[in-house]
Every structure is written in structure tokens, then in C-alpha cells.
Amino acid sequence: MKKEGYRESTIRMRTRLMKRLVKVGANILDPESAKETIAKQDTWNENTKLHIVNTYTTFLKMIGCTWIPPIYKGKRKLPFIPTELEIDQLIASCGKKTATFLQTLKETAMRSGEAINLQWADIDIDRKIIRVTPEKNSNPRILKVSNKLIAMLNRLPRKTKRIFETTLGSLRGTLYNSKRLAADKLQNPRILEIHFHTLRHWKATMLYHQTKDILHVMNYLGHKNITNTLLYVQLAEALFKDTPDEFTTRVTKTVKGARTLIEAGFDFILEMNGVKIFRKRK
């Protein structure tokens, strides 16, 4: 897979899936044994079986064998979207490094693989900007972040080029323990459903709700195909169906003031008694 240009994250995932197949008793040198073992796993859903079939096909190619793979059709499931309070409670329950990693995902909607590879050179502390090197054939992005995240990043040691000098596996293990403790302490099992990629889904959903601009969300996520972004229209409309839109309003009488408001993202609404009225979604 490495010789054929697969990403390291994909290689690691398929390695874990092969180990999982062996663990449940499959003879991986016998395609029929593998096929029967996969079929018998009642606790695996269709998506898991599909991923393992694809992984095993790659393995057989490596050893010069083929098979007639079983047909499993993956079912797309709408992602879980927590509340911002639940995300913040989880972040508060984590250690310094994991909390900073989660805050980065929350504010930027990066994939975990993009975040784990961030280097100090990618951060402009003074202008509060992070430069994202994409994965999964996405587009590169430059994103604005909060003073809070900059302060959290500044508290991390700078011993190497990478900001988070650890592995995703290690961070996942730490997050798993933190989720259990937070869910138990707060008596909220929903916290257990939060994973790294959950924060990307949350940010994209909130961003569409705030802007109603699907192209903006698409560019923010680095998507090359808007079809992948349309999911967040459905999520936002469902989550905020009965929630009225909230706006911040500003007024000005001068051209300079109007320019400043437009540059800050406010939209011109109307002029009344010589006063220009602007608004922006909260």
C-alpha cells in the first residue's frame, strides 16, 4: 500500500482491520475461511464488514491471490452532533495536550490527521492564523482561530517541529478515558459519542446555520465536491428547525463606518433617517 501511494492513516486503519479479522478466528491464508468468519460476525454492521472485505482484498493482492468478495452495502448514517456545552465539558476534562488538540478540531474543523501533522511553522501567533496542509485530496486552507486557542497552543512545549508530538492512537486512548470520566461525572452518556471527527461535523453544521452559505462551508472544510458538503444543510435544518435566527445589529452614518462593518461580515439591511443599519448572524 505504501508503494502504491496510500496514506499512512489508511495503512494503519487497514492494519487494525486485518488484526481484527485474525482475532475473531479467520485463517487469512484461506479466502473461504475469511468469508465465512466475516459472515458470522453478528456484532459487525454492514459498514464494518464492507471495510474489512476491502482490506482483505488488498491483503490477497499483496500475496498474489484473488477471491470473489462477498457483497456488503455500506449504509450512510447521519453523524451525531453534540451541543457546544457538551464539547466544552469534554475539553475541560482532558489534559493539556488532548484539550488543545480538541479545541483545534473544534475551531478549525480539521481532520484529525491534518491536526496531528501541524507544525509550529503553520501557526501565525500574532495574526491568529493556522495554515492547514490537507489530506484525502482536499484543498489547503488558512483559518482564523481564537485568542483562547492561541493561548492553549502557547502553553505546549516546543521541543520538535510538530505541535502535537504524539500519535493519533495515543490521543484516542487518552480521549476514551476522558470521555468515560466526564460522562460518569456529568451523568451524560452522550459525551461517549464524541470522537475526533465529530468536531468537524459539529463545526460545519454550526457554520452553515450561522451563514447559510454552503460554498463558504465547502471552502472552510476543504471539500472539492459540494456533494460532500450538502450533508450539513440537512443537519442544520433538522437541529435548528424551531430555532429563530439570531442577529447582531450595528448602525453607522459614515462611509468609513459602513466599510468597517462590511469588512467584519455585516450585511447592509436598510437606511432610515440618515442611519445605515447592518446585521450579522450570531
Protein backbone atom coordinates (compact mmCIF):
# COMPACT_ATOMS: atom_id res chain seq x y z
CA MET A 1 0.00 0.00 0.00
CA LYS A 2 2.84 2.38 0.76
CA LYS A 3 4.42 1.71 -2.63
CA GLU A 4 1.10 2.44 -4.31
CA GLY A 5 0.79 5.81 -2.60
CA TYR A 6 -1.75 5.07 0.14
CA ARG A 7 -1.74 7.46 3.09
CA GLU A 8 -0.19 6.35 6.38
CA SER A 9 -3.54 6.76 8.13
CA THR A 10 -5.20 4.37 5.64
CA ILE A 11 -2.40 1.83 6.07
CA ARG A 12 -2.73 1.97 9.86
CA MET A 13 -6.52 1.59 9.67
CA ARG A 14 -6.32 -1.45 7.39
CA THR A 15 -3.65 -2.99 9.59
CA ARG A 16 -6.04 -2.70 12.54
CA LEU A 17 -8.84 -4.28 10.50
CA MET A 18 -6.64 -7.24 9.49
CA LYS A 19 -5.72 -7.81 13.14
CA ARG A 20 -9.41 -7.70 13.98
CA LEU A 21 -10.15 -10.35 11.37
CA VAL A 22 -7.42 -12.61 12.75
CA LYS A 23 -8.64 -12.06 16.31
CA VAL A 24 -12.10 -13.49 15.54
CA GLY A 25 -10.55 -16.68 14.19
CA ALA A 26 -10.19 -16.25 10.43
CA ASN A 27 -7.47 -18.14 8.58
CA ILE A 28 -6.34 -15.21 6.45
CA LEU A 29 -4.49 -17.52 4.04
CA ASP A 30 -7.83 -19.16 3.17
CA PRO A 31 -10.33 -16.79 1.46
CA GLU A 32 -13.26 -19.10 2.21
CA SER A 33 -12.38 -19.10 5.90
CA ALA A 34 -12.18 -15.31 5.87
CA LYS A 35 -15.52 -15.04 4.04
CA GLU A 36 -17.26 -17.38 6.48
CA THR A 37 -15.77 -15.65 9.51
CA ILE A 38 -16.89 -12.21 8.32
CA ALA A 39 -20.42 -13.50 7.65
CA LYS A 40 -20.72 -14.92 11.18
CA GLN A 41 -19.88 -11.66 12.98
CA ASP A 42 -23.33 -10.57 14.12
CA THR A 43 -21.93 -7.62 16.08
CA TRP A 44 -20.33 -6.10 12.96
CA ASN A 45 -22.54 -3.78 10.94
CA GLU A 46 -22.60 -3.63 7.14
CA ASN A 47 -20.10 -0.76 7.04
CA THR A 48 -17.57 -2.65 9.16
CA LYS A 49 -17.91 -5.78 7.03
CA LEU A 50 -17.51 -3.74 3.85
CA HIS A 51 -14.30 -2.13 5.17
CA ILE A 52 -12.89 -5.49 6.21
CA VAL A 53 -13.73 -7.05 2.83
CA ASN A 54 -11.92 -4.21 1.05
CA THR A 55 -8.96 -4.57 3.42
CA TYR A 56 -8.77 -8.32 2.91
CA THR A 57 -8.88 -7.82 -0.87
CA THR A 58 -5.79 -5.62 -0.57
CA PHE A 59 -4.08 -8.28 1.55
CA LEU A 60 -4.81 -11.01 -1.04
CA LYS A 61 -3.39 -8.79 -3.77
CA MET A 62 -0.18 -8.45 -1.74
CA ILE A 63 0.29 -12.24 -1.50
CA GLY A 64 -0.71 -12.83 -5.13
CA CYS A 65 -4.17 -14.31 -4.53
CA THR A 66 -7.71 -13.36 -5.51
CA TRP A 67 -11.23 -14.15 -4.31
CA ILE A 68 -14.85 -13.48 -5.11
CA PRO A 69 -15.64 -10.97 -2.36
CA PRO A 70 -18.99 -11.08 -0.56
CA ILE A 71 -21.32 -8.18 -1.24
CA TYR A 72 -21.94 -5.81 1.64
CA LYS A 73 -23.52 -2.43 1.07
CA GLY A 74 -22.45 0.28 3.44
CA LYS A 75 -25.23 2.32 4.97
CA ARG A 76 -24.67 6.02 5.41
CA LYS A 77 -25.65 7.22 8.86
CA LEU A 78 -26.13 10.84 9.82
CA PRO A 79 -23.38 11.89 12.25
CA PHE A 80 -24.01 12.66 15.89
CA ILE A 81 -23.92 16.40 16.63
CA PRO A 82 -23.34 17.25 20.31
CA THR A 83 -24.09 20.60 21.88
CA GLU A 84 -21.29 23.10 22.31
CA LEU A 85 -21.65 22.74 26.08
CA GLU A 86 -21.01 19.00 25.84
CA ILE A 87 -17.91 19.60 23.71
CA ASP A 88 -16.59 22.22 26.13
CA GLN A 89 -17.25 19.95 29.11
CA LEU A 90 -15.26 17.17 27.46
CA ILE A 91 -12.38 19.53 26.61
CA ALA A 92 -12.33 20.78 30.20
CA SER A 93 -12.00 17.20 31.46
CA CYS A 94 -8.88 16.46 29.35
CA GLY A 95 -5.22 17.06 29.97
CA LYS A 96 -3.36 19.99 28.42
CA LYS A 97 -2.28 18.33 25.17
CA THR A 98 -5.54 16.50 24.45
CA ALA A 99 -7.61 19.56 25.36
CA THR A 100 -5.60 21.71 22.94
CA PHE A 101 -5.97 19.10 20.21
CA LEU A 102 -9.76 19.01 20.70
CA GLN A 103 -10.02 22.81 20.78
CA THR A 104 -8.09 22.93 17.50
CA LEU A 105 -10.53 20.49 15.90
CA LYS A 106 -13.50 22.38 17.31
CA GLU A 107 -12.42 25.75 15.93
CA THR A 108 -10.99 24.68 12.57
CA ALA A 109 -12.99 21.57 11.56
CA MET A 110 -9.71 19.90 10.61
CA ARG A 111 -9.48 16.18 10.16
CA SER A 112 -7.54 14.58 12.99
CA GLY A 113 -4.82 13.56 10.52
CA GLU A 114 -4.40 17.18 9.46
CA ALA A 115 -4.22 18.37 13.05
CA ILE A 116 -1.73 15.74 14.22
CA ASN A 117 0.67 16.82 11.46
CA LEU A 118 0.51 20.54 12.31
CA GLN A 119 3.89 22.17 12.77
CA TRP A 120 4.78 25.30 14.70
CA ALA A 121 5.66 26.90 11.37
CA ASP A 122 1.98 26.54 10.39
CA ILE A 123 0.87 28.87 13.19
CA ASP A 124 0.93 32.66 12.90
CA ILE A 125 0.60 33.58 16.57
CA ASP A 126 0.33 37.34 16.04
CA ARG A 127 -2.39 37.15 13.38
CA LYS A 128 -4.07 34.11 14.99
CA ILE A 129 -4.00 32.08 11.77
CA ILE A 130 -3.41 28.37 11.16
CA ARG A 131 -2.31 27.02 7.78
CA VAL A 132 -3.80 23.59 7.06
CA THR A 133 -1.96 21.07 4.91
CA PRO A 134 -4.78 18.88 3.57
CA GLU A 135 -5.25 15.13 3.45
CA LYS A 136 -7.72 12.98 1.50
CA ASN A 137 -7.18 15.12 -1.62
CA SER A 138 -8.80 18.15 -0.01
CA ASN A 139 -7.87 21.77 -0.62
CA PRO A 140 -5.39 23.63 1.62
CA ARG A 141 -6.86 26.26 3.92
CA ILE A 142 -5.84 29.23 6.07
CA LEU A 143 -8.14 29.61 9.07
CA LYS A 144 -8.60 32.23 11.76
CA VAL A 145 -8.65 30.97 15.36
CA SER A 146 -9.49 32.43 18.75
CA ASN A 147 -7.30 34.01 21.40
CA LYS A 148 -8.25 31.06 23.61
CA LEU A 149 -6.75 28.50 21.22
CA ILE A 150 -3.60 30.60 20.71
CA ALA A 151 -3.14 30.73 24.49
CA MET A 152 -3.61 26.94 24.76
CA LEU A 153 -1.06 26.36 21.98
CA ASN A 154 1.44 28.69 23.65
CA ARG A 155 1.28 26.54 26.80
CA LEU A 156 2.54 23.48 24.93
CA PRO A 157 6.29 22.71 24.86
CA ARG A 158 8.16 23.41 21.61
CA LYS A 159 10.62 20.54 21.58
CA THR A 160 10.04 19.41 18.00
CA LYS A 161 8.72 20.79 14.70
CA ARG A 162 5.32 19.18 15.24
CA ILE A 163 2.91 20.77 17.70
CA PHE A 164 1.37 17.51 18.91
CA GLU A 165 4.37 15.23 19.24
CA THR A 166 2.40 12.05 19.74
CA THR A 167 0.31 9.59 17.71
CA LEU A 168 -3.39 9.61 16.95
CA GLY A 169 -3.64 6.21 18.61
CA SER A 170 -2.25 7.60 21.85
CA LEU A 171 -4.60 10.60 21.72
CA ARG A 172 -7.57 8.34 21.01
CA GLY A 173 -6.73 6.26 24.08
CA THR A 174 -6.49 9.36 26.25
CA LEU A 175 -9.73 10.73 24.83
CA TYR A 176 -11.52 7.43 25.51
CA ASN A 177 -10.57 7.57 29.20
CA SER A 178 -11.51 11.25 29.47
CA LYS A 179 -14.90 10.60 27.88
CA ARG A 180 -15.70 7.85 30.34
CA LEU A 181 -14.77 10.02 33.32
CA ALA A 182 -16.69 13.06 32.02
CA ALA A 183 -19.79 11.04 31.08
CA ASP A 184 -19.83 9.41 34.50
CA LYS A 185 -19.24 12.65 36.40
CA LEU A 186 -21.85 14.62 34.45
CA GLN A 187 -24.25 11.68 34.09
CA ASN A 188 -24.41 12.35 30.36
CA PRO A 189 -23.82 9.28 28.13
CA ARG A 190 -23.94 11.49 25.01
CA ILE A 191 -20.36 12.55 25.73
CA LEU A 192 -19.26 8.99 24.95
CA GLU A 193 -20.44 9.55 21.36
CA ILE A 194 -17.95 12.37 20.73
CA HIS A 195 -14.98 11.39 18.57
CA PHE A 196 -12.35 13.47 16.80
CA HIS A 197 -14.35 13.62 13.56
CA THR A 198 -17.48 14.61 15.49
CA LEU A 199 -15.98 18.06 15.97
CA ARG A 200 -15.59 18.51 12.20
CA HIS A 201 -19.26 17.64 11.74
CA TRP A 202 -20.25 20.00 14.58
CA LYS A 203 -18.26 22.95 13.24
CA ALA A 204 -19.56 22.51 9.69
CA THR A 205 -23.17 22.28 10.90
CA MET A 206 -22.82 25.39 13.08
CA LEU A 207 -21.08 27.28 10.27
CA TYR A 208 -23.90 26.60 7.82
CA HIS A 209 -26.51 27.54 10.43
CA GLN A 210 -24.73 30.85 11.05
CA THR A 211 -24.01 31.81 7.45
CA LYS A 212 -26.50 29.89 5.28
CA ASP A 213 -23.62 29.89 2.77
CA ILE A 214 -22.90 26.35 1.55
CA LEU A 215 -19.96 27.50 -0.62
CA HIS A 216 -18.33 29.09 2.41
CA VAL A 217 -18.71 25.84 4.36
CA MET A 218 -17.34 23.87 1.41
CA ASN A 219 -14.22 26.06 1.23
CA TYR A 220 -13.80 26.04 5.01
CA LEU A 221 -13.75 22.23 5.06
CA GLY A 222 -11.51 21.99 2.01
CA HIS A 223 -14.04 19.92 0.06
CA LYS A 224 -13.54 19.69 -3.71
CA ASN A 225 -17.05 18.35 -4.31
CA ILE A 226 -20.04 20.22 -2.91
CA THR A 227 -21.96 16.94 -2.67
CA ASN A 228 -19.90 16.11 0.42
CA THR A 229 -20.89 19.43 2.00
CA LEU A 230 -24.64 19.27 1.42
CA LEU A 231 -24.97 16.92 4.39
CA TYR A 232 -24.61 19.92 6.70
CA VAL A 233 -27.59 21.69 5.19
CA GLN A 234 -29.75 18.74 6.23
CA LEU A 235 -28.20 18.58 9.70
CA ALA A 236 -28.54 22.31 10.37
CA GLU A 237 -32.14 22.44 9.17
CA ALA A 238 -33.05 19.49 11.41
CA LEU A 239 -31.23 20.72 14.52
CA PHE A 240 -32.42 24.32 14.28
CA LYS A 241 -35.86 23.79 12.75
CA ASP A 242 -37.71 25.50 15.59
CA THR A 243 -34.93 27.94 16.48
CA PRO A 244 -35.36 31.50 15.20
CA ASP A 245 -32.35 33.08 13.51
CA GLU A 246 -30.45 35.43 15.83
CA PHE A 247 -28.61 38.52 14.60
CA THR A 248 -26.24 41.16 15.88
CA THR A 249 -27.09 44.61 14.53
CA ARG A 250 -24.94 47.72 14.08
CA VAL A 251 -25.65 51.23 12.79
CA THR A 252 -23.47 53.92 11.21
CA LYS A 253 -23.83 57.26 9.49
CA THR A 254 -20.46 57.31 7.72
CA VAL A 255 -18.92 55.60 4.72
CA LYS A 256 -15.92 54.63 6.84
CA GLY A 257 -18.19 53.00 9.41
CA ALA A 258 -20.07 51.13 6.70
CA ARG A 259 -16.82 49.82 5.20
CA THR A 260 -15.66 48.64 8.62
CA LEU A 261 -18.90 46.76 9.24
CA ILE A 262 -18.88 45.13 5.81
CA GLU A 263 -15.27 44.02 6.32
CA ALA A 264 -16.37 42.49 9.64
CA GLY A 265 -19.01 40.40 7.88
CA PHE A 266 -22.10 42.57 8.42
CA ASP A 267 -24.73 42.87 5.68
CA PHE A 268 -26.44 46.17 4.81
CA ILE A 269 -30.19 45.98 5.51
CA LEU A 270 -31.69 49.46 5.08
CA GLU A 271 -31.23 53.18 5.65
CA MET A 272 -33.56 55.11 7.95
CA ASN A 273 -33.36 58.78 8.94
CA GLY A 274 -29.84 59.01 7.56
CA VAL A 275 -28.62 55.97 9.53
CA LYS A 276 -27.44 52.79 7.78
CA ILE A 277 -28.44 49.58 9.54
CA PHE A 278 -26.37 46.38 9.27
CA ARG A 279 -26.75 42.91 10.67
CA LYS A 280 -24.79 39.66 11.01
CA ARG A 281 -25.89 36.24 12.17
CA LYS A 282 -24.71 35.33 15.65
